[in-house]
Every structure is written in C-alpha cells, then in structure tokens.
C-alpha cells in the first residue's frame, strides 16, 4: 500500500486535533506542530470538514476541532475522507475485479489485502495514537523484526 503525503498529513493533523486540550485549534498551529505545508493543510482540513470528521469556525477565535470523540474516529476514517477507498484494484472494489484461468485466485488475495488494511487501520483510533496507547494487536505486528525491514533491501 502506498500512503500518500496527503493521507499522512491528514492523519497527523487529526491526531494533533485529538491531542489538543484547547479548542478550536488553528491551522497554523497544526502546521507548525506537525511540520505540514500550510496551504496543503488547509485543503486537507477542508476535506476532513466536508467528510464530517472535523468542524470549524472562522474569525479571531476560529479554528478546527474533531466532530466526535477521538476514540470514535479510526485512522481508516481519516484516510477514506481524503483519499477515498483504501483498497482498489484498477479503480474498482477488489471483489468486482474478474480474473480468468490461473489468475482467478488473485481476487482472494486483493480481498485479503483489504481485510488486513481494515484490521489495522480500522481498529486504531486517533485517541489510541494521541495517548500513545496503540492496541496490542498492532504492537504485536511491529514486534516482529522482519516488519521493520524492507524485503527488497535484503
């Protein structure tokens, strides 16, 4: 899976909102805290607002805040808000892509990839990350030394 800068910035901005004790939070303070380009962040925050994950207020005391508690917003929710579905094959849902002959089982592989993404990204909330309490099943995945090594560098 390729995690774009946009998705990474969106998740980091949402975590910053989740970890803030003061509301609303200005885009400038998010950009500074997370080292995100300000113009790019504005577009991302707009998408998060349009998706219903973030609310905003203009003016001298304006800014952004999460629309619901951080423990009710998953990383997957944020990524979908700015990128759309996480696991598409040639722009289609994996179960709708048809293969023939020896490639026929490939559909199962793509559906399994989607299930694995959901198992991780759909089960980690902004609160988990903001509080540093990543779920055990995630830390177990990262405890395998091979998880930290890119296979093409072996």
C-alpha atoms as a PDB file:
ATOM      1  CA  UNK A   1       0.000   0.000   0.000  1.00  0.00           C
ATOM      2  CA  UNK A   2       1.225   3.466  -0.858  1.00  0.00           C
ATOM      3  CA  UNK A   3       0.461   6.011   1.853  1.00  0.00           C
ATOM      4  CA  UNK A   4       0.433   9.406   0.171  1.00  0.00           C
ATOM      5  CA  UNK A   5       1.686  12.607   1.764  1.00  0.00           C
ATOM      6  CA  UNK A   6      -1.926  13.766   1.776  1.00  0.00           C
ATOM      7  CA  UNK A   7      -3.080  10.745   3.813  1.00  0.00           C
ATOM      8  CA  UNK A   8      -0.094  11.026   6.169  1.00  0.00           C
ATOM      9  CA  UNK A   9      -0.683  14.748   6.703  1.00  0.00           C
ATOM     10  CA  UNK A  10      -4.419  14.205   7.253  1.00  0.00           C
ATOM     11  CA  UNK A  11      -3.826  11.568   9.909  1.00  0.00           C
ATOM     12  CA  UNK A  12      -1.168  13.688  11.620  1.00  0.00           C
ATOM     13  CA  UNK A  13      -3.455  16.746  11.596  1.00  0.00           C
ATOM     14  CA  UNK A  14      -6.322  14.703  13.053  1.00  0.00           C
ATOM     15  CA  UNK A  15      -4.022  13.302  15.762  1.00  0.00           C
ATOM     16  CA  UNK A  16      -2.943  16.861  16.577  1.00  0.00           C
ATOM     17  CA  UNK A  17      -6.599  17.822  16.979  1.00  0.00           C
ATOM     18  CA  UNK A  18      -7.173  14.725  19.137  1.00  0.00           C
ATOM     19  CA  UNK A  19      -4.261  15.600  21.400  1.00  0.00           C
ATOM     20  CA  UNK A  20      -5.119  19.267  21.830  1.00  0.00           C
ATOM     21  CA  UNK A  21      -6.597  20.381  25.124  1.00  0.00           C
ATOM     22  CA  UNK A  22      -7.721  23.705  23.664  1.00  0.00           C
ATOM     23  CA  UNK A  23     -10.401  24.124  21.015  1.00  0.00           C
ATOM     24  CA  UNK A  24     -10.600  25.345  18.361  1.00  0.00           C
ATOM     25  CA  UNK A  25      -7.092  24.730  17.019  1.00  0.00           C
ATOM     26  CA  UNK A  26      -5.763  26.989  14.290  1.00  0.00           C
ATOM     27  CA  UNK A  27      -4.448  25.522  11.072  1.00  0.00           C
ATOM     28  CA  UNK A  28      -1.232  27.465  11.669  1.00  0.00           C
ATOM     29  CA  UNK A  29      -0.628  25.707  14.985  1.00  0.00           C
ATOM     30  CA  UNK A  30      -1.320  22.302  13.414  1.00  0.00           C
ATOM     31  CA  UNK A  31       1.004  23.087  10.507  1.00  0.00           C
ATOM     32  CA  UNK A  32       3.767  24.168  12.874  1.00  0.00           C
ATOM     33  CA  UNK A  33       3.363  21.277  15.315  1.00  0.00           C
ATOM     34  CA  UNK A  34       3.315  18.650  12.569  1.00  0.00           C
ATOM     35  CA  UNK A  35       5.579  20.345  10.013  1.00  0.00           C
ATOM     36  CA  UNK A  36       2.884  20.270   7.323  1.00  0.00           C
ATOM     37  CA  UNK A  37       2.852  22.852   4.498  1.00  0.00           C
ATOM     38  CA  UNK A  38       0.144  25.371   5.441  1.00  0.00           C
ATOM     39  CA  UNK A  39      -1.575  25.588   2.012  1.00  0.00           C
ATOM     40  CA  UNK A  40      -1.712  21.807   1.691  1.00  0.00           C
ATOM     41  CA  UNK A  41      -3.065  21.518   5.237  1.00  0.00           C
ATOM     42  CA  UNK A  42      -5.884  23.981   4.512  1.00  0.00           C
ATOM     43  CA  UNK A  43      -7.077  21.785   1.632  1.00  0.00           C
ATOM     44  CA  UNK A  44      -6.849  18.667   3.797  1.00  0.00           C
ATOM     45  CA  UNK A  45      -8.758  20.267   6.671  1.00  0.00           C
ATOM     46  CA  UNK A  46     -11.420  21.326   4.195  1.00  0.00           C
ATOM     47  CA  UNK A  47     -11.826  17.718   3.045  1.00  0.00           C
ATOM     48  CA  UNK A  48     -11.960  16.493   6.643  1.00  0.00           C
ATOM     49  CA  UNK A  49     -14.658  19.082   7.336  1.00  0.00           C
ATOM     50  CA  UNK A  50     -16.637  18.097   4.234  1.00  0.00           C
ATOM     51  CA  UNK A  51     -16.470  14.443   5.306  1.00  0.00           C
ATOM     52  CA  UNK A  52     -17.875  15.325   8.727  1.00  0.00           C
ATOM     53  CA  UNK A  53     -14.793  14.372  10.746  1.00  0.00           C
ATOM     54  CA  UNK A  54     -13.832  17.957  11.593  1.00  0.00           C
ATOM     55  CA  UNK A  55     -15.767  21.093  12.401  1.00  0.00           C
ATOM     56  CA  UNK A  56     -14.527  24.630  12.014  1.00  0.00           C
ATOM     57  CA  UNK A  57     -15.239  28.206  12.950  1.00  0.00           C
ATOM     58  CA  UNK A  58     -13.927  31.348  11.281  1.00  0.00           C
ATOM     59  CA  UNK A  59     -12.781  34.510  12.935  1.00  0.00           C
ATOM     60  CA  UNK A  60     -10.361  35.681  15.579  1.00  0.00           C
ATOM     61  CA  UNK A  61     -11.199  32.741  17.838  1.00  0.00           C
ATOM     62  CA  UNK A  62     -11.669  30.305  14.991  1.00  0.00           C
ATOM     63  CA  UNK A  63     -10.049  27.042  14.107  1.00  0.00           C
ATOM     64  CA  UNK A  64     -10.752  23.336  13.890  1.00  0.00           C
ATOM     65  CA  UNK A  65     -11.823  20.519  16.199  1.00  0.00           C
ATOM     66  CA  UNK A  66     -12.919  16.908  15.814  1.00  0.00           C
ATOM     67  CA  UNK A  67     -16.639  16.481  15.251  1.00  0.00           C
ATOM     68  CA  UNK A  68     -16.819  13.475  17.559  1.00  0.00           C
ATOM     69  CA  UNK A  69     -14.611  11.932  20.259  1.00  0.00           C
ATOM     70  CA  UNK A  70     -11.164  10.819  19.104  1.00  0.00           C
ATOM     71  CA  UNK A  71     -11.849   7.266  20.268  1.00  0.00           C
ATOM     72  CA  UNK A  72     -14.667   7.078  17.701  1.00  0.00           C
ATOM     73  CA  UNK A  73     -12.521   8.070  14.695  1.00  0.00           C
ATOM     74  CA  UNK A  74     -10.238   5.469  13.165  1.00  0.00           C
ATOM     75  CA  UNK A  75      -7.175   6.066  11.055  1.00  0.00           C
ATOM     76  CA  UNK A  76      -9.128   4.410   8.227  1.00  0.00           C
ATOM     77  CA  UNK A  77     -11.892   7.029   8.586  1.00  0.00           C
ATOM     78  CA  UNK A  78      -9.361   9.816   8.079  1.00  0.00           C
ATOM     79  CA  UNK A  79      -7.674   8.168   5.104  1.00  0.00           C
ATOM     80  CA  UNK A  80     -11.016   7.471   3.409  1.00  0.00           C
ATOM     81  CA  UNK A  81     -12.016  11.117   3.928  1.00  0.00           C
ATOM     82  CA  UNK A  82      -9.071  12.416   1.913  1.00  0.00           C
ATOM     83  CA  UNK A  83      -8.260   9.517  -0.438  1.00  0.00           C
ATOM     84  CA  UNK A  84     -11.463   7.508  -0.851  1.00  0.00           C
ATOM     85  CA  UNK A  85     -11.476   3.710  -0.565  1.00  0.00           C
ATOM     86  CA  UNK A  86      -8.205   2.256   0.683  1.00  0.00           C
ATOM     87  CA  UNK A  87      -8.063  -0.903  -1.391  1.00  0.00           C
ATOM     88  CA  UNK A  88      -8.996  -0.558  -5.025  1.00  0.00           C
ATOM     89  CA  UNK A  89      -7.761  -2.635  -7.939  1.00  0.00           C
ATOM     90  CA  UNK A  90      -7.613  -0.578 -11.109  1.00  0.00           C
ATOM     91  CA  UNK A  91     -10.167   1.764  -9.545  1.00  0.00           C
ATOM     92  CA  UNK A  92     -12.646  -0.976  -8.620  1.00  0.00           C
ATOM     93  CA  UNK A  93     -13.523  -2.789  -5.408  1.00  0.00           C
ATOM     94  CA  UNK A  94     -11.427  -5.982  -5.263  1.00  0.00           C
ATOM     95  CA  UNK A  95     -14.439  -8.327  -5.233  1.00  0.00           C
ATOM     96  CA  UNK A  96     -15.661  -6.817  -8.515  1.00  0.00           C
ATOM     97  CA  UNK A  97     -12.462  -7.428 -10.497  1.00  0.00           C
ATOM     98  CA  UNK A  98     -12.705 -10.535 -12.648  1.00  0.00           C
ATOM     99  CA  UNK A  99      -9.744 -12.781 -13.385  1.00  0.00           C
ATOM    100  CA  UNK A 100      -9.553 -15.860 -15.552  1.00  0.00           C
ATOM    101  CA  UNK A 101      -7.525 -19.005 -15.654  1.00  0.00           C
ATOM    102  CA  UNK A 102      -4.574 -19.314 -13.343  1.00  0.00           C
ATOM    103  CA  UNK A 103      -5.026 -15.708 -12.103  1.00  0.00           C
ATOM    104  CA  UNK A 104      -8.566 -16.378 -10.814  1.00  0.00           C
ATOM    105  CA  UNK A 105      -7.488 -16.768  -7.142  1.00  0.00           C
ATOM    106  CA  UNK A 106      -5.907 -13.297  -7.283  1.00  0.00           C
ATOM    107  CA  UNK A 107      -9.257 -11.756  -6.316  1.00  0.00           C
ATOM    108  CA  UNK A 108      -8.971 -13.531  -2.959  1.00  0.00           C
ATOM    109  CA  UNK A 109      -5.537 -12.010  -2.434  1.00  0.00           C
ATOM    110  CA  UNK A 110      -6.814  -8.487  -3.079  1.00  0.00           C
ATOM    111  CA  UNK A 111      -9.821  -9.000  -0.790  1.00  0.00           C
ATOM    112  CA  UNK A 112      -7.440 -10.304   1.900  1.00  0.00           C
ATOM    113  CA  UNK A 113      -5.270  -7.195   1.492  1.00  0.00           C
ATOM    114  CA  UNK A 114      -8.338  -5.031   2.046  1.00  0.00           C
ATOM    115  CA  UNK A 115      -9.274  -7.097   5.119  1.00  0.00           C
ATOM    116  CA  UNK A 116      -5.740  -6.703   6.513  1.00  0.00           C
ATOM    117  CA  UNK A 117      -5.846  -2.933   5.988  1.00  0.00           C
ATOM    118  CA  UNK A 118      -9.192  -2.765   7.760  1.00  0.00           C
ATOM    119  CA  UNK A 119      -7.860  -4.935  10.608  1.00  0.00           C
ATOM    120  CA  UNK A 120      -5.084  -2.434  11.250  1.00  0.00           C
ATOM    121  CA  UNK A 121      -6.292   0.997  10.137  1.00  0.00           C
ATOM    122  CA  UNK A 122      -9.923   0.429  11.062  1.00  0.00           C
ATOM    123  CA  UNK A 123      -9.034  -0.668  14.584  1.00  0.00           C
ATOM    124  CA  UNK A 124      -6.642   2.105  15.582  1.00  0.00           C
ATOM    125  CA  UNK A 125      -8.289   5.324  16.686  1.00  0.00           C
ATOM    126  CA  UNK A 126      -6.955   8.839  16.856  1.00  0.00           C
ATOM    127  CA  UNK A 127      -7.185   8.568  20.645  1.00  0.00           C
ATOM    128  CA  UNK A 128      -5.020   5.424  20.602  1.00  0.00           C
ATOM    129  CA  UNK A 129      -2.245   7.288  18.840  1.00  0.00           C
ATOM    130  CA  UNK A 130      -2.684  10.627  20.618  1.00  0.00           C
ATOM    131  CA  UNK A 131      -2.394   8.916  24.012  1.00  0.00           C
ATOM    132  CA  UNK A 132       0.415   6.588  22.916  1.00  0.00           C
ATOM    133  CA  UNK A 133      -1.709   3.534  23.672  1.00  0.00           C
ATOM    134  CA  UNK A 134      -1.596   1.686  20.371  1.00  0.00           C
ATOM    135  CA  UNK A 135      -3.660  -1.538  20.543  1.00  0.00           C
ATOM    136  CA  UNK A 136      -1.813  -4.727  21.452  1.00  0.00           C
ATOM    137  CA  UNK A 137      -2.512  -6.422  18.125  1.00  0.00           C
ATOM    138  CA  UNK A 138      -0.680  -3.570  16.396  1.00  0.00           C
ATOM    139  CA  UNK A 139       2.319  -3.632  18.702  1.00  0.00           C
ATOM    140  CA  UNK A 140       2.488  -7.400  18.228  1.00  0.00           C
ATOM    141  CA  UNK A 141       2.742  -6.897  14.466  1.00  0.00           C
ATOM    142  CA  UNK A 142       5.602  -4.440  14.938  1.00  0.00           C
ATOM    143  CA  UNK A 143       7.438  -6.678  17.407  1.00  0.00           C
ATOM    144  CA  UNK A 144       8.497  -8.941  14.545  1.00  0.00           C
ATOM    145  CA  UNK A 145      11.943  -7.695  13.432  1.00  0.00           C
ATOM    146  CA  UNK A 146      11.038  -8.512   9.812  1.00  0.00           C
ATOM    147  CA  UNK A 147       8.276  -5.900   9.991  1.00  0.00           C
ATOM    148  CA  UNK A 148      10.964  -3.207  10.114  1.00  0.00           C
ATOM    149  CA  UNK A 149      12.952  -4.445   7.111  1.00  0.00           C
ATOM    150  CA  UNK A 150      12.006  -3.676   3.523  1.00  0.00           C
ATOM    151  CA  UNK A 151      12.281  -7.027   1.709  1.00  0.00           C
ATOM    152  CA  UNK A 152      13.829  -5.516  -1.404  1.00  0.00           C
ATOM    153  CA  UNK A 153      16.837  -4.418   0.676  1.00  0.00           C
ATOM    154  CA  UNK A 154      17.619  -7.931   1.938  1.00  0.00           C
END
